[in-house]
PDB file of N, CA and C in Angstrom:
ATOM      1  N   MET A   1      21.147  25.051  34.778  1.00  0.00           N
ATOM      2  CA  MET A   1      22.411  25.757  34.705  1.00  0.00           C
ATOM      3  C   MET A   1      23.385  25.132  35.700  1.00  0.00           C
ATOM      4  N   TYR A   2      24.633  24.998  35.264  1.00  0.00           N
ATOM      5  CA  TYR A   2      25.665  24.404  36.098  1.00  0.00           C
ATOM      6  C   TYR A   2      26.512  25.490  36.754  1.00  0.00           C
ATOM      7  N   LEU A   3      27.104  25.129  37.884  1.00  0.00           N
ATOM      8  CA  LEU A   3      27.960  26.070  38.599  1.00  0.00           C
ATOM      9  C   LEU A   3      29.170  26.463  37.758  1.00  0.00           C
ATOM     10  N   SER A   4      29.696  25.517  36.979  1.00  0.00           N
ATOM     11  CA  SER A   4      30.864  25.809  36.140  1.00  0.00           C
ATOM     12  C   SER A   4      30.549  26.873  35.091  1.00  0.00           C
ATOM     13  N   GLU A   5      29.284  26.941  34.634  1.00  0.00           N
ATOM     14  CA  GLU A   5      28.896  27.957  33.655  1.00  0.00           C
ATOM     15  C   GLU A   5      28.937  29.355  34.262  1.00  0.00           C
ATOM     16  N   LEU A   6      28.632  29.453  35.552  1.00  0.00           N
ATOM     17  CA  LEU A   6      28.652  30.754  36.215  1.00  0.00           C
ATOM     18  C   LEU A   6      30.066  31.228  36.505  1.00  0.00           C
ATOM     19  N   LEU A   7      30.961  30.300  36.840  1.00  0.00           N
ATOM     20  CA  LEU A   7      32.309  30.651  37.255  1.00  0.00           C
ATOM     21  C   LEU A   7      33.291  30.769  36.108  1.00  0.00           C
ATOM     22  N   ASP A   8      32.911  30.360  34.924  1.00  0.00           N
ATOM     23  CA  ASP A   8      33.864  30.209  33.826  1.00  0.00           C
ATOM     24  C   ASP A   8      34.168  31.487  33.062  1.00  0.00           C
ATOM     25  N   ASP A   9      33.420  32.565  33.241  1.00  0.00           N
ATOM     26  CA  ASP A   9      33.592  33.824  32.511  1.00  0.00           C
ATOM     27  C   ASP A   9      33.389  33.648  31.006  1.00  0.00           C
ATOM     28  N   ASN A  10      32.760  32.591  30.581  1.00  0.00           N
ATOM     29  CA  ASN A  10      32.465  32.330  29.167  1.00  0.00           C
ATOM     30  C   ASN A  10      33.708  32.340  28.291  1.00  0.00           C
ATOM     31  N   LEU A  11      34.854  32.023  28.842  1.00  0.00           N
ATOM     32  CA  LEU A  11      36.058  31.977  28.022  1.00  0.00           C
ATOM     33  C   LEU A  11      36.503  30.521  27.907  1.00  0.00           C
ATOM     34  N   THR A  12      35.646  29.711  27.315  1.00  0.00           N
ATOM     35  CA  THR A  12      35.993  28.316  27.105  1.00  0.00           C
ATOM     36  C   THR A  12      36.762  28.145  25.810  1.00  0.00           C
ATOM     37  N   GLU A  13      36.862  29.228  25.028  1.00  0.00           N
ATOM     38  CA  GLU A  13      37.610  29.160  23.788  1.00  0.00           C
ATOM     39  C   GLU A  13      39.090  28.971  24.097  1.00  0.00           C
ATOM     40  N   LYS A  14      39.738  28.155  23.291  1.00  0.00           N
ATOM     41  CA  LYS A  14      41.162  27.890  23.505  1.00  0.00           C
ATOM     42  C   LYS A  14      41.980  29.050  22.948  1.00  0.00           C
ATOM     43  N   GLN A  15      42.925  29.513  23.737  1.00  0.00           N
ATOM     44  CA  GLN A  15      43.805  30.574  23.266  1.00  0.00           C
ATOM     45  C   GLN A  15      44.924  29.956  22.448  1.00  0.00           C
ATOM     46  N   ILE A  16      45.181  30.544  21.289  1.00  0.00           N
ATOM     47  CA  ILE A  16      46.265  30.100  20.435  1.00  0.00           C
ATOM     48  C   ILE A  16      46.981  31.334  19.896  1.00  0.00           C
ATOM     49  N   TRP A  17      48.043  31.116  19.172  1.00  0.00           N
ATOM     50  CA  TRP A  17      48.754  32.214  18.523  1.00  0.00           C
ATOM     51  C   TRP A  17      48.313  32.287  17.074  1.00  0.00           C
ATOM     52  N   GLY A  18      48.249  33.505  16.529  1.00  0.00           N
ATOM     53  CA  GLY A  18      47.882  33.706  15.136  1.00  0.00           C
ATOM     54  C   GLY A  18      48.687  34.853  14.566  1.00  0.00           C
ATOM     55  N   ARG A  19      48.603  35.017  13.257  1.00  0.00           N
ATOM     56  CA  ARG A  19      49.336  36.099  12.595  1.00  0.00           C
ATOM     57  C   ARG A  19      48.403  37.236  12.261  1.00  0.00           C
ATOM     58  N   ARG A  20      48.877  38.453  12.423  1.00  0.00           N
ATOM     59  CA  ARG A  20      48.195  39.628  11.898  1.00  0.00           C
ATOM     60  C   ARG A  20      49.271  40.394  11.150  1.00  0.00           C
ATOM     61  N   GLY A  21      49.345  40.151   9.850  1.00  0.00           N
ATOM     62  CA  GLY A  21      50.445  40.687   9.055  1.00  0.00           C
ATOM     63  C   GLY A  21      51.709  39.922   9.400  1.00  0.00           C
ATOM     64  N   LYS A  22      52.739  40.653   9.854  1.00  0.00           N
ATOM     65  CA  LYS A  22      53.988  39.998  10.240  1.00  0.00           C
ATOM     66  C   LYS A  22      54.115  39.846  11.743  1.00  0.00           C
ATOM     67  N   LYS A  23      53.075  40.274  12.484  1.00  0.00           N
ATOM     68  CA  LYS A  23      53.115  40.199  13.942  1.00  0.00           C
ATOM     69  C   LYS A  23      52.400  38.947  14.430  1.00  0.00           C
ATOM     70  N   LEU A  24      52.822  38.423  15.570  1.00  0.00           N
ATOM     71  CA  LEU A  24      52.151  37.301  16.202  1.00  0.00           C
ATOM     72  C   LEU A  24      51.260  37.842  17.316  1.00  0.00           C
ATOM     73  N   VAL A  25      49.990  37.453  17.302  1.00  0.00           N
ATOM     74  CA  VAL A  25      49.026  37.942  18.283  1.00  0.00           C
ATOM     75  C   VAL A  25      48.247  36.764  18.863  1.00  0.00           C
ATOM     76  N   ARG A  26      47.618  36.994  20.020  1.00  0.00           N
ATOM     77  CA  ARG A  26      46.783  35.970  20.630  1.00  0.00           C
ATOM     78  C   ARG A  26      45.449  35.918  19.897  1.00  0.00           C
ATOM     79  N   LYS A  27      44.985  34.716  19.584  1.00  0.00           N
ATOM     80  CA  LYS A  27      43.674  34.530  18.975  1.00  0.00           C
ATOM     81  C   LYS A  27      42.976  33.393  19.702  1.00  0.00           C
ATOM     82  N   TYR A  28      41.769  33.065  19.267  1.00  0.00           N
ATOM     83  CA  TYR A  28      40.964  32.055  19.944  1.00  0.00           C
ATOM     84  C   TYR A  28      40.420  31.062  18.936  1.00  0.00           C
ATOM     85  N   ARG A  29      40.371  29.789  19.340  1.00  0.00           N
ATOM     86  CA  ARG A  29      39.733  28.760  18.514  1.00  0.00           C
ATOM     87  C   ARG A  29      38.362  28.491  19.124  1.00  0.00           C
ATOM     88  N   CYS A  30      37.308  28.644  18.330  1.00  0.00           N
ATOM     89  CA  CYS A  30      35.938  28.497  18.833  1.00  0.00           C
ATOM     90  C   CYS A  30      35.668  27.051  19.238  1.00  0.00           C
ATOM     91  N   VAL A  31      35.114  26.881  20.424  1.00  0.00           N
ATOM     92  CA  VAL A  31      34.767  25.553  20.921  1.00  0.00           C
ATOM     93  C   VAL A  31      33.299  25.270  20.656  1.00  0.00           C
ATOM     94  N   GLY A  32      32.486  26.320  20.574  1.00  0.00           N
ATOM     95  CA  GLY A  32      31.064  26.143  20.309  1.00  0.00           C
ATOM     96  C   GLY A  32      30.543  27.217  19.389  1.00  0.00           C
ATOM     97  N   GLY A  33      29.264  27.139  19.102  1.00  0.00           N
ATOM     98  CA  GLY A  33      28.642  28.157  18.259  1.00  0.00           C
ATOM     99  C   GLY A  33      28.715  27.813  16.785  1.00  0.00           C
ATOM    100  N   LYS A  34      28.270  28.749  15.957  1.00  0.00           N
ATOM    101  CA  LYS A  34      28.232  28.541  14.507  1.00  0.00           C
ATOM    102  C   LYS A  34      29.628  28.404  13.916  1.00  0.00           C
ATOM    103  N   ARG A  35      30.628  29.014  14.575  1.00  0.00           N
ATOM    104  CA  ARG A  35      31.991  29.003  14.042  1.00  0.00           C
ATOM    105  C   ARG A  35      32.866  27.984  14.763  1.00  0.00           C
ATOM    106  N   HIS A  36      32.315  26.855  15.071  1.00  0.00           N
ATOM    107  CA  HIS A  36      33.029  25.806  15.812  1.00  0.00           C
ATOM    108  C   HIS A  36      34.310  25.395  15.083  1.00  0.00           C
ATOM    109  N   GLY A  37      35.458  25.495  15.776  1.00  0.00           N
ATOM    110  CA  GLY A  37      36.725  25.098  15.194  1.00  0.00           C
ATOM    111  C   GLY A  37      37.450  26.200  14.453  1.00  0.00           C
ATOM    112  N   ARG A  38      36.810  27.330  14.246  1.00  0.00           N
ATOM    113  CA  ARG A  38      37.416  28.423  13.497  1.00  0.00           C
ATOM    114  C   ARG A  38      38.268  29.300  14.410  1.00  0.00           C
ATOM    115  N   ILE A  39      39.279  29.921  13.846  1.00  0.00           N
ATOM    116  CA  ILE A  39      40.142  30.824  14.594  1.00  0.00           C
ATOM    117  C   ILE A  39      39.617  32.245  14.419  1.00  0.00           C
ATOM    118  N   VAL A  40      39.367  32.918  15.549  1.00  0.00           N
ATOM    119  CA  VAL A  40      38.828  34.275  15.520  1.00  0.00           C
ATOM    120  C   VAL A  40      39.651  35.180  16.431  1.00  0.00           C
ATOM    121  N   ALA A  41      39.540  36.493  16.214  1.00  0.00           N
ATOM    122  CA  ALA A  41      40.308  37.454  16.996  1.00  0.00           C
ATOM    123  C   ALA A  41      39.699  37.666  18.381  1.00  0.00           C
ATOM    124  N   GLU A  42      38.383  37.627  18.502  1.00  0.00           N
ATOM    125  CA  GLU A  42      37.690  37.863  19.770  1.00  0.00           C
ATOM    126  C   GLU A  42      36.763  36.686  20.065  1.00  0.00           C
ATOM    127  N   PRO A  43      36.652  36.256  21.326  1.00  0.00           N
ATOM    128  CA  PRO A  43      35.785  35.118  21.650  1.00  0.00           C
ATOM    129  C   PRO A  43      34.307  35.373  21.332  1.00  0.00           C
ATOM    130  N   GLN A  44      33.885  36.643  21.335  1.00  0.00           N
ATOM    131  CA  GLN A  44      32.483  36.960  21.056  1.00  0.00           C
ATOM    132  C   GLN A  44      32.107  36.614  19.625  1.00  0.00           C
ATOM    133  N   GLN A  45      33.077  36.559  18.718  1.00  0.00           N
ATOM    134  CA  GLN A  45      32.789  36.282  17.309  1.00  0.00           C
ATOM    135  C   GLN A  45      32.290  34.856  17.093  1.00  0.00           C
ATOM    136  N   CYS A  46      32.553  33.969  18.048  1.00  0.00           N
ATOM    137  CA  CYS A  46      32.114  32.576  17.893  1.00  0.00           C
ATOM    138  C   CYS A  46      30.597  32.456  17.849  1.00  0.00           C
ATOM    139  N   PHE A  47      29.904  33.374  18.502  1.00  0.00           N
ATOM    140  CA  PHE A  47      28.451  33.294  18.604  1.00  0.00           C
ATOM    141  C   PHE A  47      27.744  34.402  17.831  1.00  0.00           C
ATOM    142  N   ALA A  48      28.484  35.152  17.028  1.00  0.00           N
ATOM    143  CA  ALA A  48      27.889  36.236  16.242  1.00  0.00           C
ATOM    144  C   ALA A  48      27.082  35.645  15.084  1.00  0.00           C
ATOM    145  N   PRO A  49      26.002  36.324  14.676  1.00  0.00           N
ATOM    146  CA  PRO A  49      25.220  35.817  13.539  1.00  0.00           C
ATOM    147  C   PRO A  49      26.028  35.930  12.246  1.00  0.00           C
ATOM    148  N   PRO A  50      25.852  34.982  11.329  1.00  0.00           N
ATOM    149  CA  PRO A  50      26.631  35.031  10.081  1.00  0.00           C
ATOM    150  C   PRO A  50      26.163  36.152   9.162  1.00  0.00           C
ATOM    151  N   ASP A  51      27.109  36.718   8.412  1.00  0.00           N
ATOM    152  CA  ASP A  51      26.804  37.719   7.398  1.00  0.00           C
ATOM    153  C   ASP A  51      26.648  36.958   6.076  1.00  0.00           C
ATOM    154  N   ILE A  52      25.418  36.806   5.633  1.00  0.00           N
ATOM    155  CA  ILE A  52      25.106  35.961   4.471  1.00  0.00           C
ATOM    156  C   ILE A  52      25.793  36.471   3.208  1.00  0.00           C
ATOM    157  N   LYS A  53      25.829  37.789   3.019  1.00  0.00           N
ATOM    158  CA  LYS A  53      26.435  38.358   1.819  1.00  0.00           C
ATOM    159  C   LYS A  53      27.922  37.993   1.740  1.00  0.00           C
ATOM    160  N   LYS A  54      28.629  38.126   2.864  1.00  0.00           N
ATOM    161  CA  LYS A  54      30.051  37.781   2.894  1.00  0.00           C
ATOM    162  C   LYS A  54      30.261  36.285   2.673  1.00  0.00           C
ATOM    163  N   ARG A  55      29.374  35.480   3.229  1.00  0.00           N
ATOM    164  CA  ARG A  55      29.491  34.024   3.086  1.00  0.00           C
ATOM    165  C   ARG A  55      29.366  33.596   1.632  1.00  0.00           C
ATOM    166  N   VAL A  56      28.379  34.137   0.935  1.00  0.00           N
ATOM    167  CA  VAL A  56      28.159  33.797  -0.479  1.00  0.00           C
ATOM    168  C   VAL A  56      29.335  34.278  -1.322  1.00  0.00           C
ATOM    169  N   LYS A  57      29.808  35.500  -1.046  1.00  0.00           N
ATOM    170  CA  LYS A  57      30.930  36.069  -1.794  1.00  0.00           C
ATOM    171  C   LYS A  57      32.183  35.203  -1.630  1.00  0.00           C
ATOM    172  N   MET A  58      32.437  34.732  -0.414  1.00  0.00           N
ATOM    173  CA  MET A  58      33.625  33.920  -0.157  1.00  0.00           C
ATOM    174  C   MET A  58      33.517  32.556  -0.841  1.00  0.00           C
ATOM    175  N   LYS A  59      32.325  31.983  -0.881  1.00  0.00           N
ATOM    176  CA  LYS A  59      32.151  30.699  -1.568  1.00  0.00           C
ATOM    177  C   LYS A  59      32.502  30.827  -3.047  1.00  0.00           C
ATOM    178  N   ILE A  60      32.055  31.910  -3.669  1.00  0.00           N
ATOM    179  CA  ILE A  60      32.347  32.148  -5.085  1.00  0.00           C
ATOM    180  C   ILE A  60      33.850  32.336  -5.286  1.00  0.00           C
ATOM    181  N   THR A  61      34.482  33.127  -4.405  1.00  0.00           N
ATOM    182  CA  THR A  61      35.922  33.383  -4.508  1.00  0.00           C
ATOM    183  C   THR A  61      36.710  32.097  -4.352  1.00  0.00           C
ATOM    184  N   ARG A  62      36.324  31.261  -3.391  1.00  0.00           N
ATOM    185  CA  ARG A  62      37.042  29.998  -3.174  1.00  0.00           C
ATOM    186  C   ARG A  62      36.948  29.083  -4.377  1.00  0.00           C
ATOM    187  N   LYS A  63      35.770  29.038  -5.006  1.00  0.00           N
ATOM    188  CA  LYS A  63      35.620  28.194  -6.189  1.00  0.00           C
ATOM    189  C   LYS A  63      36.519  28.671  -7.321  1.00  0.00           C
ATOM    190  N   LYS A  64      36.667  29.993  -7.452  1.00  0.00           N
ATOM    191  CA  LYS A  64      37.491  30.550  -8.525  1.00  0.00           C
ATOM    192  C   LYS A  64      38.980  30.380  -8.250  1.00  0.00           C
ATOM    193  N   LEU A  65      39.397  30.667  -7.008  1.00  0.00           N
ATOM    194  CA  LEU A  65      40.816  30.813  -6.713  1.00  0.00           C
ATOM    195  C   LEU A  65      41.368  29.778  -5.740  1.00  0.00           C
ATOM    196  N   ALA A  66      40.698  28.656  -5.576  1.00  0.00           N
ATOM    197  CA  ALA A  66      41.093  27.691  -4.547  1.00  0.00           C
ATOM    198  C   ALA A  66      42.545  27.236  -4.699  1.00  0.00           C
ATOM    199  N   LYS A  67      42.960  26.875  -5.915  1.00  0.00           N
ATOM    200  CA  LYS A  67      44.317  26.382  -6.132  1.00  0.00           C
ATOM    201  C   LYS A  67      45.348  27.465  -5.849  1.00  0.00           C
ATOM    202  N   ARG A  68      45.093  28.665  -6.345  1.00  0.00           N
ATOM    203  CA  ARG A  68      46.030  29.765  -6.153  1.00  0.00           C
ATOM    204  C   ARG A  68      46.166  30.115  -4.662  1.00  0.00           C
ATOM    205  N   MET A  69      45.039  30.138  -3.960  1.00  0.00           N
ATOM    206  CA  MET A  69      45.069  30.446  -2.527  1.00  0.00           C
ATOM    207  C   MET A  69      45.859  29.387  -1.760  1.00  0.00           C
ATOM    208  N   ALA A  70      45.680  28.127  -2.123  1.00  0.00           N
ATOM    209  CA  ALA A  70      46.385  27.041  -1.444  1.00  0.00           C
ATOM    210  C   ALA A  70      47.887  27.133  -1.668  1.00  0.00           C
ATOM    211  N   MET A  71      48.297  27.409  -2.906  1.00  0.00           N
ATOM    212  CA  MET A  71      49.727  27.502  -3.209  1.00  0.00           C
ATOM    213  C   MET A  71      50.371  28.681  -2.496  1.00  0.00           C
ATOM    214  N   ARG A  72      49.675  29.811  -2.455  1.00  0.00           N
ATOM    215  CA  ARG A  72      50.219  30.993  -1.778  1.00  0.00           C
ATOM    216  C   ARG A  72      50.341  30.768  -0.278  1.00  0.00           C
ATOM    217  N   SER A  73      49.333  30.144   0.306  1.00  0.00           N
ATOM    218  CA  SER A  73      49.395  29.927   1.759  1.00  0.00           C
ATOM    219  C   SER A  73      50.496  28.923   2.107  1.00  0.00           C
ATOM    220  N   LYS A  74      50.696  27.916   1.266  1.00  0.00           N
ATOM    221  CA  LYS A  74      51.783  26.962   1.515  1.00  0.00           C
ATOM    222  C   LYS A  74      53.137  27.652   1.442  1.00  0.00           C
ATOM    223  N   ARG A  75      53.311  28.508   0.433  1.00  0.00           N
ATOM    224  CA  ARG A  75      54.580  29.217   0.298  1.00  0.00           C
ATOM    225  C   ARG A  75      54.811  30.157   1.485  1.00  0.00           C
ATOM    226  N   THR A  76      53.770  30.855   1.903  1.00  0.00           N
ATOM    227  CA  THR A  76      53.893  31.774   3.040  1.00  0.00           C
ATOM    228  C   THR A  76      54.278  31.006   4.298  1.00  0.00           C
ATOM    229  N   LYS A  77      53.618  29.888   4.539  1.00  0.00           N
ATOM    230  CA  LYS A  77      53.903  29.109   5.748  1.00  0.00           C
ATOM    231  C   LYS A  77      55.313  28.536   5.740  1.00  0.00           C
ATOM    232  N   ARG A  78      55.851  28.289   4.546  1.00  0.00           N
ATOM    233  CA  ARG A  78      57.218  27.767   4.436  1.00  0.00           C
ATOM    234  C   ARG A  78      58.272  28.847   4.628  1.00  0.00           C
ATOM    235  N   THR A  79      58.009  30.045   4.091  1.00  0.00           N
ATOM    236  CA  THR A  79      59.069  31.037   3.998  1.00  0.00           C
ATOM    237  C   THR A  79      58.964  32.196   4.988  1.00  0.00           C
ATOM    238  N   ASN A  80      57.771  32.602   5.369  1.00  0.00           N
ATOM    239  CA  ASN A  80      57.601  33.751   6.250  1.00  0.00           C
ATOM    240  C   ASN A  80      58.101  33.421   7.665  1.00  0.00           C
ATOM    241  N   PRO A  81      59.049  34.188   8.204  1.00  0.00           N
ATOM    242  CA  PRO A  81      59.587  33.899   9.535  1.00  0.00           C
ATOM    243  C   PRO A  81      58.514  33.920  10.623  1.00  0.00           C
ATOM    244  N   ALA A  82      57.525  34.803  10.488  1.00  0.00           N
ATOM    245  CA  ALA A  82      56.453  34.866  11.484  1.00  0.00           C
ATOM    246  C   ALA A  82      55.635  33.572  11.473  1.00  0.00           C
ATOM    247  N   SER A  83      55.399  33.009  10.292  1.00  0.00           N
ATOM    248  CA  SER A  83      54.632  31.770  10.188  1.00  0.00           C
ATOM    249  C   SER A  83      55.391  30.594  10.789  1.00  0.00           C
ATOM    250  N   ARG A  84      56.690  30.589  10.592  1.00  0.00           N
ATOM    251  CA  ARG A  84      57.507  29.504  11.136  1.00  0.00           C
ATOM    252  C   ARG A  84      57.557  29.573  12.657  1.00  0.00           C
ATOM    253  N   ALA A  85      57.672  30.792  13.200  1.00  0.00           N
ATOM    254  CA  ALA A  85      57.667  30.974  14.661  1.00  0.00           C
ATOM    255  C   ALA A  85      56.309  30.607  15.228  1.00  0.00           C
ATOM    256  N   LEU A  86      55.265  30.943  14.493  1.00  0.00           N
ATOM    257  CA  LEU A  86      53.891  30.651  14.916  1.00  0.00           C
ATOM    258  C   LEU A  86      53.674  29.154  15.091  1.00  0.00           C
ATOM    259  N   LYS A  87      54.192  28.385  14.166  1.00  0.00           N
ATOM    260  CA  LYS A  87      54.055  26.933  14.218  1.00  0.00           C
ATOM    261  C   LYS A  87      54.653  26.388  15.514  1.00  0.00           C
ATOM    262  N   ASN A  88      55.864  26.857  15.848  1.00  0.00           N
ATOM    263  CA  ASN A  88      56.519  26.394  17.076  1.00  0.00           C
ATOM    264  C   ASN A  88      55.766  26.837  18.324  1.00  0.00           C
ATOM    265  N   LEU A  89      55.253  28.063  18.338  1.00  0.00           N
ATOM    266  CA  LEU A  89      54.519  28.560  19.504  1.00  0.00           C
ATOM    267  C   LEU A  89      53.275  27.731  19.758  1.00  0.00           C
ATOM    268  N   ASN A  90      52.531  27.402  18.701  1.00  0.00           N
ATOM    269  CA  ASN A  90      51.295  26.636  18.888  1.00  0.00           C
ATOM    270  C   ASN A  90      51.576  25.200  19.293  1.00  0.00           C
ATOM    271  N   ILE A  91      52.683  24.638  18.834  1.00  0.00           N
ATOM    272  CA  ILE A  91      53.040  23.281  19.251  1.00  0.00           C
ATOM    273  C   ILE A  91      53.414  23.282  20.736  1.00  0.00           C
ATOM    274  N   ARG A  92      54.176  24.296  21.168  1.00  0.00           N
ATOM    275  CA  ARG A  92      54.590  24.387  22.569  1.00  0.00           C
ATOM    276  C   ARG A  92      53.429  24.650  23.513  1.00  0.00           C
ATOM    277  N   SER A  93      52.430  25.397  23.062  1.00  0.00           N
ATOM    278  CA  SER A  93      51.325  25.763  23.945  1.00  0.00           C
ATOM    279  C   SER A  93      50.264  24.662  24.060  1.00  0.00           C
ATOM    280  N   LYS A  94      50.422  23.572  23.315  1.00  0.00           N
ATOM    281  CA  LYS A  94      49.498  22.447  23.431  1.00  0.00           C
ATOM    282  C   LYS A  94      49.615  21.814  24.801  1.00  0.00           C
ATOM    283  N   PRO A  95      48.494  21.407  25.410  1.00  0.00           N
ATOM    284  CA  PRO A  95      48.608  20.732  26.709  1.00  0.00           C
ATOM    285  C   PRO A  95      49.242  19.353  26.538  1.00  0.00           C
ATOM    286  N   ARG A  96      50.143  19.035  27.415  1.00  0.00           N
ATOM    287  CA  ARG A  96      50.821  17.727  27.355  1.00  0.00           C
ATOM    288  C   ARG A  96      49.964  16.667  28.019  1.00  0.00           C
ATOM    289  N   ARG A  97      50.033  15.455  27.494  1.00  0.00           N
ATOM    290  CA  ARG A  97      49.236  14.352  28.079  1.00  0.00           C
ATOM    291  C   ARG A  97      50.102  13.473  28.945  1.00  0.00           C
TER     292      ARG A  97
END
């Protein structure tokens, strides 16, 4: 065990902005665990066990509606004011090199 693991409070997940309806809220991008790279509402969700029933259901839904979901999300990201503000917030919060 490393000293950094003890002092870090287990919040190695990156904080980002996300949408919940029309509101902008703080969310987390998983750095480790089964949900690596995914955006979640709570950091504990990164290490939660997967719900197999939900996973299978979502795979079936994606196969059926993939094109429709993609078109709707593109339109939302273009037109919804919250989505446009979200884009700018996440670009600004990136660490500069």
